Amino acid sequence: MGSVTQMSLLGDLSTMPLTELLQWLAVHQKSGVLLLQRGDVVKEISLMGGKIVASASNDPREQFSQFLLACGKISEDDLLTLLLLQRDLGVPLGRLLVQRGILQEGEVQHLLRLKAEENIHDLFLWDEGYFKFFAEAPAQERHVPIEMDLTTLMLEGHRRADEWLRIRAVFPSSETAVRVIPDRLTRDLLQEPVYNRMIQLLEAP
């Protein structure tokens, strides 16, 4: 994360929830950098006139390489090759994807924006953490430029938080084991792409 100055607001998400914080930034059309931290994870959101224009995260699970794997845009073998090239050449991963003909430039930019948005949406699942807002601090040049309206962002964040509560009601622990019961599978269920893919993953060795 880049260094910033002019800290003008700090607090705890347990006393000032993310929704209230974002509403305050939007209503007052604030520009600057918002840092949010939970444990070792730090996320950085850049705002201009109350709108989000860039974001970043130090969580390895939220790196662009992992996002590409999750989206099925690249294989693990290809990714390993690209990461080795990136280390030797010092070239951004997105540029290597275009140079090697794996993705088009427009597709890379679209995926980078989606990844940045996912990083922000994940914040609505945080039930604890700390924040610091640095007024008028500029966005770092290495950040992916995006433009997100905070009202739209909060609606999507709340929708995902509600979905997560429903998931937790069924799977209360990350230790929960899931298995396929063959005699309960129906033809209609198997024809649903999402369920079919879930079954394939569960049956994979």
C-alpha atoms as a PDB file:
ATOM      1  CA  MET A   1       0.000   0.000   0.000  1.00  0.00           C
ATOM      2  CA  GLY A   2       1.225   3.511  -0.749  1.00  0.00           C
ATOM      3  CA  SER A   3       1.792   6.038   2.008  1.00  0.00           C
ATOM      4  CA  VAL A   4      -0.758   8.812   2.446  1.00  0.00           C
ATOM      5  CA  THR A   5      -1.068  11.878   4.685  1.00  0.00           C
ATOM      6  CA  GLN A   6      -3.700  14.258   6.101  1.00  0.00           C
ATOM      7  CA  MET A   7      -5.656  11.722   8.163  1.00  0.00           C
ATOM      8  CA  SER A   8      -9.020  13.344   8.948  1.00  0.00           C
ATOM      9  CA  LEU A   9     -11.161  10.481  10.282  1.00  0.00           C
ATOM     10  CA  LEU A  10     -10.545   7.158  12.015  1.00  0.00           C
ATOM     11  CA  GLY A  11     -12.694   4.690  13.882  1.00  0.00           C
ATOM     12  CA  ASP A  12     -13.947   1.168  14.511  1.00  0.00           C
ATOM     13  CA  LEU A  13     -16.439  -0.566  12.213  1.00  0.00           C
ATOM     14  CA  SER A  14     -18.243  -1.922  15.268  1.00  0.00           C
ATOM     15  CA  THR A  15     -19.182   1.642  16.294  1.00  0.00           C
ATOM     16  CA  MET A  16     -19.453   3.181  12.814  1.00  0.00           C
ATOM     17  CA  PRO A  17     -20.579   0.447  10.389  1.00  0.00           C
ATOM     18  CA  LEU A  18     -19.352   0.493   6.812  1.00  0.00           C
ATOM     19  CA  THR A  19     -22.741   1.607   5.464  1.00  0.00           C
ATOM     20  CA  GLU A  20     -22.792   4.698   7.704  1.00  0.00           C
ATOM     21  CA  LEU A  21     -19.184   5.476   6.830  1.00  0.00           C
ATOM     22  CA  LEU A  22     -19.824   5.270   3.084  1.00  0.00           C
ATOM     23  CA  GLN A  23     -23.013   7.325   3.397  1.00  0.00           C
ATOM     24  CA  TRP A  24     -21.077  10.056   5.186  1.00  0.00           C
ATOM     25  CA  LEU A  25     -18.412  10.075   2.475  1.00  0.00           C
ATOM     26  CA  ALA A  26     -21.051  10.187  -0.259  1.00  0.00           C
ATOM     27  CA  VAL A  27     -23.240  12.901   1.297  1.00  0.00           C
ATOM     28  CA  HIS A  28     -20.227  15.145   1.878  1.00  0.00           C
ATOM     29  CA  GLN A  29     -18.767  14.262  -1.544  1.00  0.00           C
ATOM     30  CA  LYS A  30     -15.419  13.473   0.016  1.00  0.00           C
ATOM     31  CA  SER A  31     -12.206  12.924  -1.942  1.00  0.00           C
ATOM     32  CA  GLY A  32      -9.300  10.961  -0.505  1.00  0.00           C
ATOM     33  CA  VAL A  33      -8.182   7.479   0.497  1.00  0.00           C
ATOM     34  CA  LEU A  34     -10.046   5.170   2.881  1.00  0.00           C
ATOM     35  CA  LEU A  35      -7.998   2.405   4.540  1.00  0.00           C
ATOM     36  CA  LEU A  36      -9.853  -0.491   6.170  1.00  0.00           C
ATOM     37  CA  GLN A  37      -8.130  -3.208   8.193  1.00  0.00           C
ATOM     38  CA  ARG A  38      -9.217  -6.499   9.733  1.00  0.00           C
ATOM     39  CA  GLY A  39      -6.385  -8.555  11.146  1.00  0.00           C
ATOM     40  CA  ASP A  40      -3.592  -8.626   8.578  1.00  0.00           C
ATOM     41  CA  VAL A  41      -5.903  -7.726   5.681  1.00  0.00           C
ATOM     42  CA  VAL A  42      -5.788  -4.100   4.534  1.00  0.00           C
ATOM     43  CA  LYS A  43      -8.004  -2.681   1.808  1.00  0.00           C
ATOM     44  CA  GLU A  44      -7.608   0.717   0.218  1.00  0.00           C
ATOM     45  CA  ILE A  45     -10.421   2.654  -1.462  1.00  0.00           C
ATOM     46  CA  SER A  46      -9.810   5.908  -3.333  1.00  0.00           C
ATOM     47  CA  LEU A  47     -12.684   8.381  -3.658  1.00  0.00           C
ATOM     48  CA  MET A  48     -13.294  11.508  -5.674  1.00  0.00           C
ATOM     49  CA  GLY A  49     -16.348  13.654  -5.028  1.00  0.00           C
ATOM     50  CA  GLY A  50     -17.995  10.880  -3.028  1.00  0.00           C
ATOM     51  CA  LYS A  51     -17.491   8.214  -5.705  1.00  0.00           C
ATOM     52  CA  ILE A  52     -15.080   5.290  -5.641  1.00  0.00           C
ATOM     53  CA  VAL A  53     -12.453   5.603  -8.366  1.00  0.00           C
ATOM     54  CA  ALA A  54      -9.924   2.890  -7.367  1.00  0.00           C
ATOM     55  CA  SER A  55      -9.349   0.068  -4.899  1.00  0.00           C
ATOM     56  CA  ALA A  56      -6.640  -2.337  -3.772  1.00  0.00           C
ATOM     57  CA  SER A  57      -6.159  -5.185  -1.285  1.00  0.00           C
ATOM     58  CA  ASN A  58      -3.155  -6.942   0.257  1.00  0.00           C
ATOM     59  CA  ASP A  59      -5.101 -10.206   0.682  1.00  0.00           C
ATOM     60  CA  PRO A  60      -3.367 -12.884  -1.476  1.00  0.00           C
ATOM     61  CA  ARG A  61      -6.766 -14.462  -2.136  1.00  0.00           C
ATOM     62  CA  GLU A  62      -7.884 -11.232  -3.819  1.00  0.00           C
ATOM     63  CA  GLN A  63      -4.960 -10.859  -6.185  1.00  0.00           C
ATOM     64  CA  PHE A  64      -5.671 -10.644  -9.910  1.00  0.00           C
ATOM     65  CA  SER A  65      -4.056 -14.040 -10.532  1.00  0.00           C
ATOM     66  CA  GLN A  66      -6.471 -15.777  -8.152  1.00  0.00           C
ATOM     67  CA  PHE A  67      -9.416 -13.921  -9.664  1.00  0.00           C
ATOM     68  CA  LEU A  68      -8.442 -15.193 -13.129  1.00  0.00           C
ATOM     69  CA  LEU A  69      -8.350 -18.771 -11.837  1.00  0.00           C
ATOM     70  CA  ALA A  70     -11.734 -18.407 -10.124  1.00  0.00           C
ATOM     71  CA  CYS A  71     -13.269 -17.055 -13.352  1.00  0.00           C
ATOM     72  CA  GLY A  72     -11.815 -19.923 -15.378  1.00  0.00           C
ATOM     73  CA  LYS A  73      -9.908 -17.508 -17.628  1.00  0.00           C
ATOM     74  CA  ILE A  74      -6.568 -19.255 -17.188  1.00  0.00           C
ATOM     75  CA  SER A  75      -5.194 -22.637 -16.106  1.00  0.00           C
ATOM     76  CA  GLU A  76      -2.895 -23.140 -13.139  1.00  0.00           C
ATOM     77  CA  ASP A  77      -0.075 -24.261 -15.466  1.00  0.00           C
ATOM     78  CA  ASP A  78      -0.402 -21.148 -17.637  1.00  0.00           C
ATOM     79  CA  LEU A  79      -0.548 -18.954 -14.563  1.00  0.00           C
ATOM     80  CA  LEU A  80       2.647 -20.457 -13.158  1.00  0.00           C
ATOM     81  CA  THR A  81       4.416 -19.798 -16.463  1.00  0.00           C
ATOM     82  CA  LEU A  82       3.177 -16.197 -16.526  1.00  0.00           C
ATOM     83  CA  LEU A  83       4.160 -15.541 -12.915  1.00  0.00           C
ATOM     84  CA  LEU A  84       7.683 -16.777 -13.625  1.00  0.00           C
ATOM     85  CA  LEU A  85       7.858 -14.470 -16.647  1.00  0.00           C
ATOM     86  CA  GLN A  86       6.483 -11.623 -14.585  1.00  0.00           C
ATOM     87  CA  ARG A  87       9.206 -12.152 -11.992  1.00  0.00           C
ATOM     88  CA  ASP A  88      11.940 -12.163 -14.642  1.00  0.00           C
ATOM     89  CA  LEU A  89      10.620  -9.328 -16.808  1.00  0.00           C
ATOM     90  CA  GLY A  90       8.933  -7.123 -14.228  1.00  0.00           C
ATOM     91  CA  VAL A  91       5.883  -6.772 -16.501  1.00  0.00           C
ATOM     92  CA  PRO A  92       2.321  -6.542 -15.096  1.00  0.00           C
ATOM     93  CA  LEU A  93       0.331  -9.769 -15.350  1.00  0.00           C
ATOM     94  CA  GLY A  94      -2.397  -8.115 -17.415  1.00  0.00           C
ATOM     95  CA  ARG A  95       0.124  -7.003 -20.032  1.00  0.00           C
ATOM     96  CA  LEU A  96       1.581 -10.501 -20.269  1.00  0.00           C
ATOM     97  CA  LEU A  97      -1.887 -11.947 -20.822  1.00  0.00           C
ATOM     98  CA  VAL A  98      -2.350  -9.633 -23.807  1.00  0.00           C
ATOM     99  CA  GLN A  99       1.173 -10.131 -25.193  1.00  0.00           C
ATOM    100  CA  ARG A 100       0.782 -13.919 -25.192  1.00  0.00           C
ATOM    101  CA  GLY A 101      -2.683 -13.752 -26.784  1.00  0.00           C
ATOM    102  CA  ILE A 102      -4.486 -15.290 -23.824  1.00  0.00           C
ATOM    103  CA  LEU A 103      -6.849 -12.339 -23.368  1.00  0.00           C
ATOM    104  CA  GLN A 104      -7.698  -9.159 -25.248  1.00  0.00           C
ATOM    105  CA  GLU A 105      -6.826  -5.762 -23.760  1.00  0.00           C
ATOM    106  CA  GLY A 106     -10.482  -4.847 -23.233  1.00  0.00           C
ATOM    107  CA  GLU A 107     -11.173  -8.136 -21.468  1.00  0.00           C
ATOM    108  CA  VAL A 108      -8.212  -7.628 -19.129  1.00  0.00           C
ATOM    109  CA  GLN A 109      -9.446  -4.147 -18.179  1.00  0.00           C
ATOM    110  CA  HIS A 110     -12.970  -5.487 -17.614  1.00  0.00           C
ATOM    111  CA  LEU A 111     -11.689  -8.275 -15.360  1.00  0.00           C
ATOM    112  CA  LEU A 112      -9.484  -5.870 -13.422  1.00  0.00           C
ATOM    113  CA  ARG A 113     -12.503  -3.670 -12.728  1.00  0.00           C
ATOM    114  CA  LEU A 114     -14.608  -6.663 -11.675  1.00  0.00           C
ATOM    115  CA  LYS A 115     -11.843  -7.809  -9.335  1.00  0.00           C
ATOM    116  CA  ALA A 116     -11.614  -4.347  -7.778  1.00  0.00           C
ATOM    117  CA  GLU A 117     -15.381  -4.283  -7.257  1.00  0.00           C
ATOM    118  CA  GLU A 118     -15.348  -7.752  -5.657  1.00  0.00           C
ATOM    119  CA  ASN A 119     -12.698  -6.575  -3.204  1.00  0.00           C
ATOM    120  CA  ILE A 120     -15.031  -3.791  -2.082  1.00  0.00           C
ATOM    121  CA  HIS A 121     -18.181  -5.927  -1.932  1.00  0.00           C
ATOM    122  CA  ASP A 122     -16.363  -8.302   0.422  1.00  0.00           C
ATOM    123  CA  LEU A 123     -16.118  -5.481   2.982  1.00  0.00           C
ATOM    124  CA  PHE A 124     -19.856  -5.771   3.660  1.00  0.00           C
ATOM    125  CA  LEU A 125     -19.187  -9.196   5.178  1.00  0.00           C
ATOM    126  CA  TRP A 126     -16.795  -7.707   7.758  1.00  0.00           C
ATOM    127  CA  ASP A 127     -18.334  -7.521  11.227  1.00  0.00           C
ATOM    128  CA  GLU A 128     -15.246  -5.938  12.755  1.00  0.00           C
ATOM    129  CA  GLY A 129     -12.242  -3.876  11.727  1.00  0.00           C
ATOM    130  CA  TYR A 130     -10.778  -0.383  11.755  1.00  0.00           C
ATOM    131  CA  PHE A 131     -10.768   2.457   9.253  1.00  0.00           C
ATOM    132  CA  LYS A 132      -8.772   5.593   8.533  1.00  0.00           C
ATOM    133  CA  PHE A 133      -9.736   8.243   6.006  1.00  0.00           C
ATOM    134  CA  PHE A 134      -7.094  10.541   4.519  1.00  0.00           C
ATOM    135  CA  ALA A 135      -8.741  13.594   2.974  1.00  0.00           C
ATOM    136  CA  GLU A 136      -7.546  14.752  -0.438  1.00  0.00           C
ATOM    137  CA  ALA A 137      -4.917  12.002  -0.676  1.00  0.00           C
ATOM    138  CA  PRO A 138      -4.468  10.968  -4.340  1.00  0.00           C
ATOM    139  CA  ALA A 139      -5.116   7.471  -5.670  1.00  0.00           C
ATOM    140  CA  GLN A 140      -1.992   5.448  -6.365  1.00  0.00           C
ATOM    141  CA  GLU A 141      -1.122   5.203 -10.072  1.00  0.00           C
ATOM    142  CA  ARG A 142      -0.832   1.414  -9.868  1.00  0.00           C
ATOM    143  CA  HIS A 143      -4.481   1.072  -8.846  1.00  0.00           C
ATOM    144  CA  VAL A 144      -7.058   0.018 -11.414  1.00  0.00           C
ATOM    145  CA  PRO A 145      -9.319   2.999 -12.254  1.00  0.00           C
ATOM    146  CA  ILE A 146     -13.011   2.301 -11.721  1.00  0.00           C
ATOM    147  CA  GLU A 147     -16.080   4.417 -11.040  1.00  0.00           C
ATOM    148  CA  MET A 148     -18.666   3.160  -8.574  1.00  0.00           C
ATOM    149  CA  ASP A 149     -21.628   5.058  -7.213  1.00  0.00           C
ATOM    150  CA  LEU A 150     -21.775   4.507  -3.444  1.00  0.00           C
ATOM    151  CA  THR A 151     -25.566   4.074  -3.386  1.00  0.00           C
ATOM    152  CA  THR A 152     -25.383   1.267  -5.951  1.00  0.00           C
ATOM    153  CA  LEU A 153     -22.440  -0.225  -4.089  1.00  0.00           C
ATOM    154  CA  MET A 154     -24.302  -0.302  -0.777  1.00  0.00           C
ATOM    155  CA  LEU A 155     -27.365  -1.945  -2.320  1.00  0.00           C
ATOM    156  CA  GLU A 156     -25.214  -4.704  -3.789  1.00  0.00           C
ATOM    157  CA  GLY A 157     -23.242  -5.025  -0.551  1.00  0.00           C
ATOM    158  CA  HIS A 158     -26.411  -5.443   1.515  1.00  0.00           C
ATOM    159  CA  ARG A 159     -27.759  -8.015  -0.957  1.00  0.00           C
ATOM    160  CA  ARG A 160     -24.593 -10.081  -0.608  1.00  0.00           C
ATOM    161  CA  ALA A 161     -24.578  -9.744   3.173  1.00  0.00           C
ATOM    162  CA  ASP A 162     -28.180 -11.037   3.291  1.00  0.00           C
ATOM    163  CA  GLU A 163     -27.241 -13.957   1.039  1.00  0.00           C
ATOM    164  CA  TRP A 164     -24.287 -14.762   3.285  1.00  0.00           C
ATOM    165  CA  LEU A 165     -26.602 -14.905   6.325  1.00  0.00           C
ATOM    166  CA  ARG A 166     -28.822 -17.391   4.483  1.00  0.00           C
ATOM    167  CA  ILE A 167     -25.781 -19.473   3.557  1.00  0.00           C
ATOM    168  CA  ARG A 168     -24.575 -19.422   7.164  1.00  0.00           C
ATOM    169  CA  ALA A 169     -27.985 -20.679   8.276  1.00  0.00           C
ATOM    170  CA  VAL A 170     -27.411 -23.806   6.173  1.00  0.00           C
ATOM    171  CA  PHE A 171     -23.631 -24.063   6.616  1.00  0.00           C
ATOM    172  CA  PRO A 172     -22.960 -22.637  10.103  1.00  0.00           C
ATOM    173  CA  SER A 173     -19.270 -23.552  10.071  1.00  0.00           C
ATOM    174  CA  SER A 174     -16.432 -23.585   7.543  1.00  0.00           C
ATOM    175  CA  GLU A 175     -15.823 -27.152   8.773  1.00  0.00           C
ATOM    176  CA  THR A 176     -19.163 -28.293   7.346  1.00  0.00           C
ATOM    177  CA  ALA A 177     -18.734 -31.239   4.959  1.00  0.00           C
ATOM    178  CA  VAL A 178     -20.882 -31.542   1.817  1.00  0.00           C
ATOM    179  CA  ARG A 179     -21.445 -34.727  -0.147  1.00  0.00           C
ATOM    180  CA  VAL A 180     -23.608 -35.876  -3.039  1.00  0.00           C
ATOM    181  CA  ILE A 181     -26.443 -38.337  -2.333  1.00  0.00           C
ATOM    182  CA  PRO A 182     -26.980 -40.022  -5.740  1.00  0.00           C
ATOM    183  CA  ASP A 183     -30.497 -41.339  -5.081  1.00  0.00           C
ATOM    184  CA  ARG A 184     -31.709 -37.791  -4.365  1.00  0.00           C
ATOM    185  CA  LEU A 185     -30.511 -36.318  -7.648  1.00  0.00           C
ATOM    186  CA  THR A 186     -33.229 -35.543 -10.177  1.00  0.00           C
ATOM    187  CA  ARG A 187     -33.009 -34.952 -13.917  1.00  0.00           C
ATOM    188  CA  ASP A 188     -34.236 -31.356 -13.483  1.00  0.00           C
ATOM    189  CA  LEU A 189     -31.517 -30.692 -10.927  1.00  0.00           C
ATOM    190  CA  LEU A 190     -28.811 -32.101 -13.178  1.00  0.00           C
ATOM    191  CA  GLN A 191     -29.995 -29.890 -16.052  1.00  0.00           C
ATOM    192  CA  GLU A 192     -29.479 -26.720 -14.000  1.00  0.00           C
ATOM    193  CA  PRO A 193     -25.978 -25.415 -14.971  1.00  0.00           C
ATOM    194  CA  VAL A 194     -25.124 -24.093 -11.500  1.00  0.00           C
ATOM    195  CA  TYR A 195     -26.213 -27.231  -9.660  1.00  0.00           C
ATOM    196  CA  ASN A 196     -24.610 -29.453 -12.277  1.00  0.00           C
ATOM    197  CA  ARG A 197     -21.289 -27.655 -11.831  1.00  0.00           C
ATOM    198  CA  MET A 198     -21.560 -27.932  -8.029  1.00  0.00           C
ATOM    199  CA  ILE A 199     -22.144 -31.664  -8.304  1.00  0.00           C
ATOM    200  CA  GLN A 200     -19.158 -32.033 -10.630  1.00  0.00           C
ATOM    201  CA  LEU A 201     -16.932 -30.213  -8.130  1.00  0.00           C
ATOM    202  CA  LEU A 202     -18.197 -32.285  -5.205  1.00  0.00           C
ATOM    203  CA  GLU A 203     -17.589 -35.525  -7.086  1.00  0.00           C
ATOM    204  CA  ALA A 204     -14.105 -34.496  -8.249  1.00  0.00           C
ATOM    205  CA  PRO A 205     -11.277 -36.498  -6.567  1.00  0.00           C
END
